[in-house]
mmCIF file of all heavy atoms, coordinates in Angstrom:
data_MODEL
# 
_entry.id   MODEL 
# 
loop_
_atom_site.group_PDB 
_atom_site.id 
_atom_site.type_symbol 
_atom_site.label_atom_id 
_atom_site.label_alt_id 
_atom_site.label_comp_id 
_atom_site.label_asym_id 
_atom_site.label_entity_id 
_atom_site.label_seq_id 
_atom_site.pdbx_PDB_ins_code 
_atom_site.Cartn_x 
_atom_site.Cartn_y 
_atom_site.Cartn_z 
_atom_site.occupancy 
_atom_site.B_iso_or_equiv 
_atom_site.pdbx_formal_charge 
_atom_site.auth_seq_id 
_atom_site.auth_comp_id 
_atom_site.auth_asym_id 
_atom_site.auth_atom_id 
_atom_site.pdbx_PDB_model_num 
ATOM 1   N N   . THR A 1 1  ? -27.874 -3.537 19.448  1.00 0.00 ? 1  THR A N   1 
ATOM 2   C CA  . THR A 1 1  ? -27.585 -3.239 20.859  1.00 0.00 ? 1  THR A CA  1 
ATOM 3   C C   . THR A 1 1  ? -26.499 -4.157 21.473  1.00 0.00 ? 1  THR A C   1 
ATOM 4   O O   . THR A 1 1  ? -26.390 -5.255 20.979  1.00 0.00 ? 1  THR A O   1 
ATOM 5   C CB  . THR A 1 1  ? -28.785 -3.081 21.780  1.00 0.00 ? 1  THR A CB  1 
ATOM 6   O OG1 . THR A 1 1  ? -29.287 -4.408 21.750  1.00 0.00 ? 1  THR A OG1 1 
ATOM 7   C CG2 . THR A 1 1  ? -29.847 -2.061 21.356  1.00 0.00 ? 1  THR A CG2 1 
ATOM 8   N N   . GLY A 1 2  ? -25.750 -3.617 22.344  1.00 0.00 ? 2  GLY A N   1 
ATOM 9   C CA  . GLY A 1 2  ? -24.723 -4.395 23.105  1.00 0.00 ? 2  GLY A CA  1 
ATOM 10  C C   . GLY A 1 2  ? -23.633 -4.789 22.155  1.00 0.00 ? 2  GLY A C   1 
ATOM 11  O O   . GLY A 1 2  ? -23.111 -5.830 22.251  1.00 0.00 ? 2  GLY A O   1 
ATOM 12  N N   . SER A 1 3  ? -23.249 -3.981 21.215  1.00 0.00 ? 3  SER A N   1 
ATOM 13  C CA  . SER A 1 3  ? -22.236 -4.203 20.323  1.00 0.00 ? 3  SER A CA  1 
ATOM 14  C C   . SER A 1 3  ? -21.209 -3.078 20.220  1.00 0.00 ? 3  SER A C   1 
ATOM 15  O O   . SER A 1 3  ? -21.649 -1.880 20.276  1.00 0.00 ? 3  SER A O   1 
ATOM 16  C CB  . SER A 1 3  ? -22.641 -4.547 18.853  1.00 0.00 ? 3  SER A CB  1 
ATOM 17  O OG  . SER A 1 3  ? -23.239 -5.852 18.836  1.00 0.00 ? 3  SER A OG  1 
ATOM 18  N N   . ARG A 1 4  ? -19.953 -3.310 20.007  1.00 0.00 ? 4  ARG A N   1 
ATOM 19  C CA  . ARG A 1 4  ? -18.897 -2.274 19.793  1.00 0.00 ? 4  ARG A CA  1 
ATOM 20  C C   . ARG A 1 4  ? -17.834 -2.887 18.825  1.00 0.00 ? 4  ARG A C   1 
ATOM 21  O O   . ARG A 1 4  ? -17.555 -4.018 18.906  1.00 0.00 ? 4  ARG A O   1 
ATOM 22  C CB  . ARG A 1 4  ? -18.228 -1.882 21.170  1.00 0.00 ? 4  ARG A CB  1 
ATOM 23  C CG  . ARG A 1 4  ? -17.403 -0.678 20.945  1.00 0.00 ? 4  ARG A CG  1 
ATOM 24  C CD  . ARG A 1 4  ? -16.680 -0.397 22.290  1.00 0.00 ? 4  ARG A CD  1 
ATOM 25  N NE  . ARG A 1 4  ? -15.560 -1.229 22.653  1.00 0.00 ? 4  ARG A NE  1 
ATOM 26  C CZ  . ARG A 1 4  ? -15.311 -1.853 23.741  1.00 0.00 ? 4  ARG A CZ  1 
ATOM 27  N NH1 . ARG A 1 4  ? -16.183 -1.727 24.752  1.00 0.00 ? 4  ARG A NH1 1 
ATOM 28  N NH2 . ARG A 1 4  ? -14.300 -2.687 23.961  1.00 0.00 ? 4  ARG A NH2 1 
ATOM 29  N N   . VAL A 1 5  ? -17.399 -1.950 17.970  1.00 0.00 ? 5  VAL A N   1 
ATOM 30  C CA  . VAL A 1 5  ? -16.304 -2.446 16.986  1.00 0.00 ? 5  VAL A CA  1 
ATOM 31  C C   . VAL A 1 5  ? -15.018 -1.582 17.258  1.00 0.00 ? 5  VAL A C   1 
ATOM 32  O O   . VAL A 1 5  ? -15.062 -0.271 17.161  1.00 0.00 ? 5  VAL A O   1 
ATOM 33  C CB  . VAL A 1 5  ? -16.751 -2.156 15.599  1.00 0.00 ? 5  VAL A CB  1 
ATOM 34  C CG1 . VAL A 1 5  ? -15.557 -2.523 14.556  1.00 0.00 ? 5  VAL A CG1 1 
ATOM 35  C CG2 . VAL A 1 5  ? -17.872 -3.094 15.236  1.00 0.00 ? 5  VAL A CG2 1 
ATOM 36  N N   . ASP A 1 6  ? -14.076 -2.278 17.664  1.00 0.00 ? 6  ASP A N   1 
ATOM 37  C CA  . ASP A 1 6  ? -12.686 -1.559 17.938  1.00 0.00 ? 6  ASP A CA  1 
ATOM 38  C C   . ASP A 1 6  ? -11.843 -1.821 16.745  1.00 0.00 ? 6  ASP A C   1 
ATOM 39  O O   . ASP A 1 6  ? -11.773 -2.990 16.308  1.00 0.00 ? 6  ASP A O   1 
ATOM 40  C CB  . ASP A 1 6  ? -12.006 -2.092 19.183  1.00 0.00 ? 6  ASP A CB  1 
ATOM 41  C CG  . ASP A 1 6  ? -12.847 -1.875 20.434  1.00 0.00 ? 6  ASP A CG  1 
ATOM 42  O OD1 . ASP A 1 6  ? -13.547 -0.863 20.406  1.00 0.00 ? 6  ASP A OD1 1 
ATOM 43  O OD2 . ASP A 1 6  ? -12.687 -2.525 21.415  1.00 0.00 ? 6  ASP A OD2 1 
ATOM 44  N N   . TRP A 1 7  ? -11.161 -0.777 16.172  1.00 0.00 ? 7  TRP A N   1 
ATOM 45  C CA  . TRP A 1 7  ? -10.244 -0.931 15.090  1.00 0.00 ? 7  TRP A CA  1 
ATOM 46  C C   . TRP A 1 7  ? -8.855  -0.936 15.592  1.00 0.00 ? 7  TRP A C   1 
ATOM 47  O O   . TRP A 1 7  ? -8.323  0.139  16.080  1.00 0.00 ? 7  TRP A O   1 
ATOM 48  C CB  . TRP A 1 7  ? -10.502 0.093  14.046  1.00 0.00 ? 7  TRP A CB  1 
ATOM 49  C CG  . TRP A 1 7  ? -11.747 -0.092 13.239  1.00 0.00 ? 7  TRP A CG  1 
ATOM 50  C CD1 . TRP A 1 7  ? -12.960 0.360  13.578  1.00 0.00 ? 7  TRP A CD1 1 
ATOM 51  C CD2 . TRP A 1 7  ? -11.789 -0.871 12.127  1.00 0.00 ? 7  TRP A CD2 1 
ATOM 52  N NE1 . TRP A 1 7  ? -13.879 -0.072 12.504  1.00 0.00 ? 7  TRP A NE1 1 
ATOM 53  C CE2 . TRP A 1 7  ? -13.211 -0.805 11.747  1.00 0.00 ? 7  TRP A CE2 1 
ATOM 54  C CE3 . TRP A 1 7  ? -11.001 -1.596 11.279  1.00 0.00 ? 7  TRP A CE3 1 
ATOM 55  C CZ2 . TRP A 1 7  ? -13.662 -1.475 10.477  1.00 0.00 ? 7  TRP A CZ2 1 
ATOM 56  C CZ3 . TRP A 1 7  ? -11.400 -2.203 10.113  1.00 0.00 ? 7  TRP A CZ3 1 
ATOM 57  C CH2 . TRP A 1 7  ? -12.787 -2.189 9.826   1.00 0.00 ? 7  TRP A CH2 1 
ATOM 58  N N   . GLU A 1 8  ? -8.170  -2.044 15.525  1.00 0.00 ? 8  GLU A N   1 
ATOM 59  C CA  . GLU A 1 8  ? -6.755  -2.263 16.037  1.00 0.00 ? 8  GLU A CA  1 
ATOM 60  C C   . GLU A 1 8  ? -5.834  -2.258 14.886  1.00 0.00 ? 8  GLU A C   1 
ATOM 61  O O   . GLU A 1 8  ? -6.110  -2.703 13.751  1.00 0.00 ? 8  GLU A O   1 
ATOM 62  C CB  . GLU A 1 8  ? -6.696  -3.510 16.782  1.00 0.00 ? 8  GLU A CB  1 
ATOM 63  C CG  . GLU A 1 8  ? -7.609  -3.660 17.995  1.00 0.00 ? 8  GLU A CG  1 
ATOM 64  C CD  . GLU A 1 8  ? -7.401  -2.607 19.122  1.00 0.00 ? 8  GLU A CD  1 
ATOM 65  O OE1 . GLU A 1 8  ? -6.240  -2.158 19.159  1.00 0.00 ? 8  GLU A OE1 1 
ATOM 66  O OE2 . GLU A 1 8  ? -8.350  -2.246 19.775  1.00 0.00 ? 8  GLU A OE2 1 
ATOM 67  N N   . PRO A 1 9  ? -4.596  -1.819 15.135  1.00 0.00 ? 9  PRO A N   1 
ATOM 68  C CA  . PRO A 1 9  ? -3.517  -1.808 14.094  1.00 0.00 ? 9  PRO A CA  1 
ATOM 69  C C   . PRO A 1 9  ? -3.156  -3.252 13.608  1.00 0.00 ? 9  PRO A C   1 
ATOM 70  O O   . PRO A 1 9  ? -3.226  -4.106 14.482  1.00 0.00 ? 9  PRO A O   1 
ATOM 71  C CB  . PRO A 1 9  ? -2.347  -1.051 14.687  1.00 0.00 ? 9  PRO A CB  1 
ATOM 72  C CG  . PRO A 1 9  ? -2.502  -1.186 16.109  1.00 0.00 ? 9  PRO A CG  1 
ATOM 73  C CD  . PRO A 1 9  ? -3.963  -1.261 16.393  1.00 0.00 ? 9  PRO A CD  1 
ATOM 74  N N   . VAL A 1 10 ? -2.992  -3.432 12.318  1.00 0.00 ? 10 VAL A N   1 
ATOM 75  C CA  . VAL A 1 10 ? -2.644  -4.725 11.789  1.00 0.00 ? 10 VAL A CA  1 
ATOM 76  C C   . VAL A 1 10 ? -1.290  -5.212 12.332  1.00 0.00 ? 10 VAL A C   1 
ATOM 77  O O   . VAL A 1 10 ? -1.199  -6.443 12.406  1.00 0.00 ? 10 VAL A O   1 
ATOM 78  C CB  . VAL A 1 10 ? -2.821  -4.762 10.208  1.00 0.00 ? 10 VAL A CB  1 
ATOM 79  C CG1 . VAL A 1 10 ? -1.605  -4.060 9.688   1.00 0.00 ? 10 VAL A CG1 1 
ATOM 80  C CG2 . VAL A 1 10 ? -2.797  -6.269 9.641   1.00 0.00 ? 10 VAL A CG2 1 
ATOM 81  N N   . GLY A 1 11 ? -0.463  -4.290 12.667  1.00 0.00 ? 11 GLY A N   1 
ATOM 82  C CA  . GLY A 1 11 ? 0.938   -4.633 13.227  1.00 0.00 ? 11 GLY A CA  1 
ATOM 83  C C   . GLY A 1 11 ? 2.066   -3.987 12.552  1.00 0.00 ? 11 GLY A C   1 
ATOM 84  O O   . GLY A 1 11 ? 2.054   -2.825 12.452  1.00 0.00 ? 11 GLY A O   1 
ATOM 85  N N   . VAL A 1 12 ? 3.112   -4.836 12.101  1.00 0.00 ? 12 VAL A N   1 
ATOM 86  C CA  . VAL A 1 12 ? 4.252   -4.286 11.480  1.00 0.00 ? 12 VAL A CA  1 
ATOM 87  C C   . VAL A 1 12 ? 4.069   -4.338 9.887   1.00 0.00 ? 12 VAL A C   1 
ATOM 88  O O   . VAL A 1 12 ? 3.577   -5.347 9.309   1.00 0.00 ? 12 VAL A O   1 
ATOM 89  C CB  . VAL A 1 12 ? 5.412   -5.162 11.844  1.00 0.00 ? 12 VAL A CB  1 
ATOM 90  C CG1 . VAL A 1 12 ? 6.678   -4.634 11.072  1.00 0.00 ? 12 VAL A CG1 1 
ATOM 91  C CG2 . VAL A 1 12 ? 5.614   -5.199 13.372  1.00 0.00 ? 12 VAL A CG2 1 
ATOM 92  N N   . VAL A 1 13 ? 4.350   -3.110 9.368   1.00 0.00 ? 13 VAL A N   1 
ATOM 93  C CA  . VAL A 1 13 ? 4.162   -2.972 7.901   1.00 0.00 ? 13 VAL A CA  1 
ATOM 94  C C   . VAL A 1 13 ? 5.408   -2.673 7.169   1.00 0.00 ? 13 VAL A C   1 
ATOM 95  O O   . VAL A 1 13 ? 6.211   -1.973 7.655   1.00 0.00 ? 13 VAL A O   1 
ATOM 96  C CB  . VAL A 1 13 ? 3.094   -1.718 7.559   1.00 0.00 ? 13 VAL A CB  1 
ATOM 97  C CG1 . VAL A 1 13 ? 2.917   -1.465 6.183   1.00 0.00 ? 13 VAL A CG1 1 
ATOM 98  C CG2 . VAL A 1 13 ? 1.845   -1.959 8.365   1.00 0.00 ? 13 VAL A CG2 1 
ATOM 99  N N   . ALA A 1 14 ? 5.576   -3.477 6.016   1.00 0.00 ? 14 ALA A N   1 
ATOM 100 C CA  . ALA A 1 14 ? 6.642   -3.165 5.092   1.00 0.00 ? 14 ALA A CA  1 
ATOM 101 C C   . ALA A 1 14 ? 6.171   -2.162 3.988   1.00 0.00 ? 14 ALA A C   1 
ATOM 102 O O   . ALA A 1 14 ? 5.201   -2.560 3.305   1.00 0.00 ? 14 ALA A O   1 
ATOM 103 C CB  . ALA A 1 14 ? 7.151   -4.429 4.526   1.00 0.00 ? 14 ALA A CB  1 
ATOM 104 N N   . ALA A 1 15 ? 6.774   -0.994 3.843   1.00 0.00 ? 15 ALA A N   1 
ATOM 105 C CA  . ALA A 1 15 ? 6.419   -0.122 2.808   1.00 0.00 ? 15 ALA A CA  1 
ATOM 106 C C   . ALA A 1 15 ? 7.539   0.060  1.769   1.00 0.00 ? 15 ALA A C   1 
ATOM 107 O O   . ALA A 1 15 ? 8.596   0.417  2.146   1.00 0.00 ? 15 ALA A O   1 
ATOM 108 C CB  . ALA A 1 15 ? 6.223   1.302  3.405   1.00 0.00 ? 15 ALA A CB  1 
ATOM 109 N N   . ILE A 1 16 ? 7.294   -0.564 0.594   1.00 0.00 ? 16 ILE A N   1 
ATOM 110 C CA  . ILE A 1 16 ? 8.288   -0.787 -0.339  1.00 0.00 ? 16 ILE A CA  1 
ATOM 111 C C   . ILE A 1 16 ? 8.106   0.301  -1.433  1.00 0.00 ? 16 ILE A C   1 
ATOM 112 O O   . ILE A 1 16 ? 7.116   0.416  -2.156  1.00 0.00 ? 16 ILE A O   1 
ATOM 113 C CB  . ILE A 1 16 ? 8.229   -2.296 -1.043  1.00 0.00 ? 16 ILE A CB  1 
ATOM 114 C CG1 . ILE A 1 16 ? 8.526   -3.240 0.021   1.00 0.00 ? 16 ILE A CG1 1 
ATOM 115 C CG2 . ILE A 1 16 ? 9.372   -2.277 -2.016  1.00 0.00 ? 16 ILE A CG2 1 
ATOM 116 C CD1 . ILE A 1 16 ? 8.434   -4.668 -0.356  1.00 0.00 ? 16 ILE A CD1 1 
ATOM 117 N N   . VAL A 1 17 ? 9.089   1.232  -1.510  1.00 0.00 ? 17 VAL A N   1 
ATOM 118 C CA  . VAL A 1 17 ? 8.856   2.501  -2.310  1.00 0.00 ? 17 VAL A CA  1 
ATOM 119 C C   . VAL A 1 17 ? 9.839   2.603  -3.542  1.00 0.00 ? 17 VAL A C   1 
ATOM 120 O O   . VAL A 1 17 ? 11.043  2.295  -3.281  1.00 0.00 ? 17 VAL A O   1 
ATOM 121 C CB  . VAL A 1 17 ? 9.053   3.677  -1.481  1.00 0.00 ? 17 VAL A CB  1 
ATOM 122 C CG1 . VAL A 1 17 ? 8.813   5.050  -2.190  1.00 0.00 ? 17 VAL A CG1 1 
ATOM 123 C CG2 . VAL A 1 17 ? 8.186   3.537  -0.198  1.00 0.00 ? 17 VAL A CG2 1 
ATOM 124 N N   . PRO A 1 18 ? 9.308   2.862  -4.731  1.00 0.00 ? 18 PRO A N   1 
ATOM 125 C CA  . PRO A 1 18 ? 10.316  3.030  -5.930  1.00 0.00 ? 18 PRO A CA  1 
ATOM 126 C C   . PRO A 1 18 ? 10.946  4.413  -5.838  1.00 0.00 ? 18 PRO A C   1 
ATOM 127 O O   . PRO A 1 18 ? 10.750  5.201  -5.016  1.00 0.00 ? 18 PRO A O   1 
ATOM 128 C CB  . PRO A 1 18 ? 9.231   2.934  -7.044  1.00 0.00 ? 18 PRO A CB  1 
ATOM 129 C CG  . PRO A 1 18 ? 7.952   3.491  -6.579  1.00 0.00 ? 18 PRO A CG  1 
ATOM 130 C CD  . PRO A 1 18 ? 7.951   3.220  -5.062  1.00 0.00 ? 18 PRO A CD  1 
ATOM 131 N N   . ASN A 1 19 ? 11.728  4.682  -6.937  1.00 0.00 ? 19 ASN A N   1 
ATOM 132 C CA  . ASN A 1 19 ? 12.546  5.877  -7.119  1.00 0.00 ? 19 ASN A CA  1 
ATOM 133 C C   . ASN A 1 19 ? 11.848  7.050  -7.698  1.00 0.00 ? 19 ASN A C   1 
ATOM 134 O O   . ASN A 1 19 ? 12.424  8.109  -7.859  1.00 0.00 ? 19 ASN A O   1 
ATOM 135 C CB  . ASN A 1 19 ? 13.970  5.472  -7.696  1.00 0.00 ? 19 ASN A CB  1 
ATOM 136 C CG  . ASN A 1 19 ? 13.795  5.011  -9.138  1.00 0.00 ? 19 ASN A CG  1 
ATOM 137 O OD1 . ASN A 1 19 ? 12.994  5.397  -9.822  1.00 0.00 ? 19 ASN A OD1 1 
ATOM 138 N ND2 . ASN A 1 19 ? 14.738  4.071  -9.446  1.00 0.00 ? 19 ASN A ND2 1 
ATOM 139 N N   . ASN A 1 20 ? 10.700  6.869  -8.369  1.00 0.00 ? 20 ASN A N   1 
ATOM 140 C CA  . ASN A 1 20 ? 10.141  7.853  -9.186  1.00 0.00 ? 20 ASN A CA  1 
ATOM 141 C C   . ASN A 1 20 ? 9.570   9.007  -8.241  1.00 0.00 ? 20 ASN A C   1 
ATOM 142 O O   . ASN A 1 20 ? 9.786   10.315 -8.585  1.00 0.00 ? 20 ASN A O   1 
ATOM 143 C CB  . ASN A 1 20 ? 9.070   7.421  -10.171 1.00 0.00 ? 20 ASN A CB  1 
ATOM 144 C CG  . ASN A 1 20 ? 7.967   6.669  -9.503  1.00 0.00 ? 20 ASN A CG  1 
ATOM 145 O OD1 . ASN A 1 20 ? 8.196   6.040  -8.380  1.00 0.00 ? 20 ASN A OD1 1 
ATOM 146 N ND2 . ASN A 1 20 ? 6.742   6.789  -10.077 1.00 0.00 ? 20 ASN A ND2 1 
ATOM 147 N N   . TYR A 1 21 ? 8.887   8.702  -7.226  1.00 0.00 ? 21 TYR A N   1 
ATOM 148 C CA  . TYR A 1 21 ? 8.358   9.598  -6.309  1.00 0.00 ? 21 TYR A CA  1 
ATOM 149 C C   . TYR A 1 21 ? 8.582   9.159  -4.722  1.00 0.00 ? 21 TYR A C   1 
ATOM 150 O O   . TYR A 1 21 ? 7.724   8.852  -4.141  1.00 0.00 ? 21 TYR A O   1 
ATOM 151 C CB  . TYR A 1 21 ? 6.814   9.946  -6.396  1.00 0.00 ? 21 TYR A CB  1 
ATOM 152 C CG  . TYR A 1 21 ? 6.596   10.755 -7.705  1.00 0.00 ? 21 TYR A CG  1 
ATOM 153 C CD1 . TYR A 1 21 ? 6.399   10.247 -8.916  1.00 0.00 ? 21 TYR A CD1 1 
ATOM 154 C CD2 . TYR A 1 21 ? 6.716   12.132 -7.559  1.00 0.00 ? 21 TYR A CD2 1 
ATOM 155 C CE1 . TYR A 1 21 ? 6.158   11.024 -10.033 1.00 0.00 ? 21 TYR A CE1 1 
ATOM 156 C CE2 . TYR A 1 21 ? 6.430   12.955 -8.652  1.00 0.00 ? 21 TYR A CE2 1 
ATOM 157 C CZ  . TYR A 1 21 ? 6.097   12.428 -9.888  1.00 0.00 ? 21 TYR A CZ  1 
ATOM 158 O OH  . TYR A 1 21 ? 5.877   13.159 -11.059 1.00 0.00 ? 21 TYR A OH  1 
ATOM 159 N N   . PRO A 1 22 ? 9.938   9.126  -4.429  1.00 0.00 ? 22 PRO A N   1 
ATOM 160 C CA  . PRO A 1 22 ? 10.396  8.487  -3.095  1.00 0.00 ? 22 PRO A CA  1 
ATOM 161 C C   . PRO A 1 22 ? 9.789   9.051  -1.935  1.00 0.00 ? 22 PRO A C   1 
ATOM 162 O O   . PRO A 1 22 ? 9.438   8.466  -0.794  1.00 0.00 ? 22 PRO A O   1 
ATOM 163 C CB  . PRO A 1 22 ? 11.772  8.527  -3.168  1.00 0.00 ? 22 PRO A CB  1 
ATOM 164 C CG  . PRO A 1 22 ? 12.116  9.779  -4.096  1.00 0.00 ? 22 PRO A CG  1 
ATOM 165 C CD  . PRO A 1 22 ? 11.090  9.798  -5.075  1.00 0.00 ? 22 PRO A CD  1 
ATOM 166 N N   . ALA A 1 23 ? 9.521   10.404 -1.921  1.00 0.00 ? 23 ALA A N   1 
ATOM 167 C CA  . ALA A 1 23 ? 8.859   11.111 -0.870  1.00 0.00 ? 23 ALA A CA  1 
ATOM 168 C C   . ALA A 1 23 ? 7.367   10.866 -0.748  1.00 0.00 ? 23 ALA A C   1 
ATOM 169 O O   . ALA A 1 23 ? 6.800   10.499 0.270   1.00 0.00 ? 23 ALA A O   1 
ATOM 170 C CB  . ALA A 1 23 ? 9.356   12.600 -0.794  1.00 0.00 ? 23 ALA A CB  1 
ATOM 171 N N   . THR A 1 24 ? 6.697   11.223 -1.706  1.00 0.00 ? 24 THR A N   1 
ATOM 172 C CA  . THR A 1 24 ? 5.301   11.173 -1.851  1.00 0.00 ? 24 THR A CA  1 
ATOM 173 C C   . THR A 1 24 ? 4.749   9.764  -1.652  1.00 0.00 ? 24 THR A C   1 
ATOM 174 O O   . THR A 1 24 ? 3.848   9.489  -0.842  1.00 0.00 ? 24 THR A O   1 
ATOM 175 C CB  . THR A 1 24 ? 4.730   11.730 -3.160  1.00 0.00 ? 24 THR A CB  1 
ATOM 176 O OG1 . THR A 1 24 ? 5.133   13.041 -3.416  1.00 0.00 ? 24 THR A OG1 1 
ATOM 177 C CG2 . THR A 1 24 ? 3.185   11.797 -3.162  1.00 0.00 ? 24 THR A CG2 1 
ATOM 178 N N   . LEU A 1 25 ? 5.356   8.831  -2.301  1.00 0.00 ? 25 LEU A N   1 
ATOM 179 C CA  . LEU A 1 25 ? 4.808   7.342  -2.248  1.00 0.00 ? 25 LEU A CA  1 
ATOM 180 C C   . LEU A 1 25 ? 5.128   6.842  -0.752  1.00 0.00 ? 25 LEU A C   1 
ATOM 181 O O   . LEU A 1 25 ? 4.272   6.024  -0.306  1.00 0.00 ? 25 LEU A O   1 
ATOM 182 C CB  . LEU A 1 25 ? 5.497   6.578  -3.291  1.00 0.00 ? 25 LEU A CB  1 
ATOM 183 C CG  . LEU A 1 25 ? 5.007   6.943  -4.793  1.00 0.00 ? 25 LEU A CG  1 
ATOM 184 C CD1 . LEU A 1 25 ? 5.646   6.073  -5.944  1.00 0.00 ? 25 LEU A CD1 1 
ATOM 185 C CD2 . LEU A 1 25 ? 3.439   6.679  -4.925  1.00 0.00 ? 25 LEU A CD2 1 
ATOM 186 N N   . ALA A 1 26 ? 6.247   7.263  -0.170  1.00 0.00 ? 26 ALA A N   1 
ATOM 187 C CA  . ALA A 1 26 ? 6.440   6.953  1.242   1.00 0.00 ? 26 ALA A CA  1 
ATOM 188 C C   . ALA A 1 26 ? 5.391   7.394  2.108   1.00 0.00 ? 26 ALA A C   1 
ATOM 189 O O   . ALA A 1 26 ? 4.808   6.779  2.945   1.00 0.00 ? 26 ALA A O   1 
ATOM 190 C CB  . ALA A 1 26 ? 7.801   7.306  1.614   1.00 0.00 ? 26 ALA A CB  1 
ATOM 191 N N   . ALA A 1 27 ? 4.950   8.722  1.790   1.00 0.00 ? 27 ALA A N   1 
ATOM 192 C CA  . ALA A 1 27 ? 3.988   9.306  2.584   1.00 0.00 ? 27 ALA A CA  1 
ATOM 193 C C   . ALA A 1 27 ? 2.543   8.640  2.405   1.00 0.00 ? 27 ALA A C   1 
ATOM 194 O O   . ALA A 1 27 ? 1.747   8.417  3.365   1.00 0.00 ? 27 ALA A O   1 
ATOM 195 C CB  . ALA A 1 27 ? 3.740   10.772 2.205   1.00 0.00 ? 27 ALA A CB  1 
ATOM 196 N N   . TYR A 1 28 ? 2.307   8.157  1.140   1.00 0.00 ? 28 TYR A N   1 
ATOM 197 C CA  . TYR A 1 28 ? 1.019   7.449  0.909   1.00 0.00 ? 28 TYR A CA  1 
ATOM 198 C C   . TYR A 1 28 ? 0.889   6.187  1.769   1.00 0.00 ? 28 TYR A C   1 
ATOM 199 O O   . TYR A 1 28 ? -0.182  5.757  2.088   1.00 0.00 ? 28 TYR A O   1 
ATOM 200 C CB  . TYR A 1 28 ? 0.923   6.998  -0.537  1.00 0.00 ? 28 TYR A CB  1 
ATOM 201 C CG  . TYR A 1 28 ? 0.623   8.040  -1.454  1.00 0.00 ? 28 TYR A CG  1 
ATOM 202 C CD1 . TYR A 1 28 ? 0.511   9.390  -1.214  1.00 0.00 ? 28 TYR A CD1 1 
ATOM 203 C CD2 . TYR A 1 28 ? 0.618   7.749  -2.966  1.00 0.00 ? 28 TYR A CD2 1 
ATOM 204 C CE1 . TYR A 1 28 ? 0.337   10.316 -2.134  1.00 0.00 ? 28 TYR A CE1 1 
ATOM 205 C CE2 . TYR A 1 28 ? 0.341   8.792  -3.861  1.00 0.00 ? 28 TYR A CE2 1 
ATOM 206 C CZ  . TYR A 1 28 ? 0.084   10.042 -3.429  1.00 0.00 ? 28 TYR A CZ  1 
ATOM 207 O OH  . TYR A 1 28 ? -0.072  11.022 -4.315  1.00 0.00 ? 28 TYR A OH  1 
ATOM 208 N N   . LYS A 1 29 ? 2.052   5.522  2.065   1.00 0.00 ? 29 LYS A N   1 
ATOM 209 C CA  . LYS A 1 29 ? 2.145   4.394  2.853   1.00 0.00 ? 29 LYS A CA  1 
ATOM 210 C C   . LYS A 1 29 ? 2.283   4.531  4.385   1.00 0.00 ? 29 LYS A C   1 
ATOM 211 O O   . LYS A 1 29 ? 1.470   4.106  5.177   1.00 0.00 ? 29 LYS A O   1 
ATOM 212 C CB  . LYS A 1 29 ? 3.027   3.404  2.405   1.00 0.00 ? 29 LYS A CB  1 
ATOM 213 C CG  . LYS A 1 29 ? 2.993   3.077  0.908   1.00 0.00 ? 29 LYS A CG  1 
ATOM 214 C CD  . LYS A 1 29 ? 4.245   2.279  0.416   1.00 0.00 ? 29 LYS A CD  1 
ATOM 215 C CE  . LYS A 1 29 ? 4.174   2.302  -1.202  1.00 0.00 ? 29 LYS A CE  1 
ATOM 216 N NZ  . LYS A 1 29 ? 2.984   1.686  -1.653  1.00 0.00 ? 29 LYS A NZ  1 
# 
């Protein structure tokens, strides 16, 4: 009792994507 967990964004993310599936892998991230 008396507890709550808030999930906050970690912040700024770098998504580094290769050329084999540039659209799908960008979406995964």
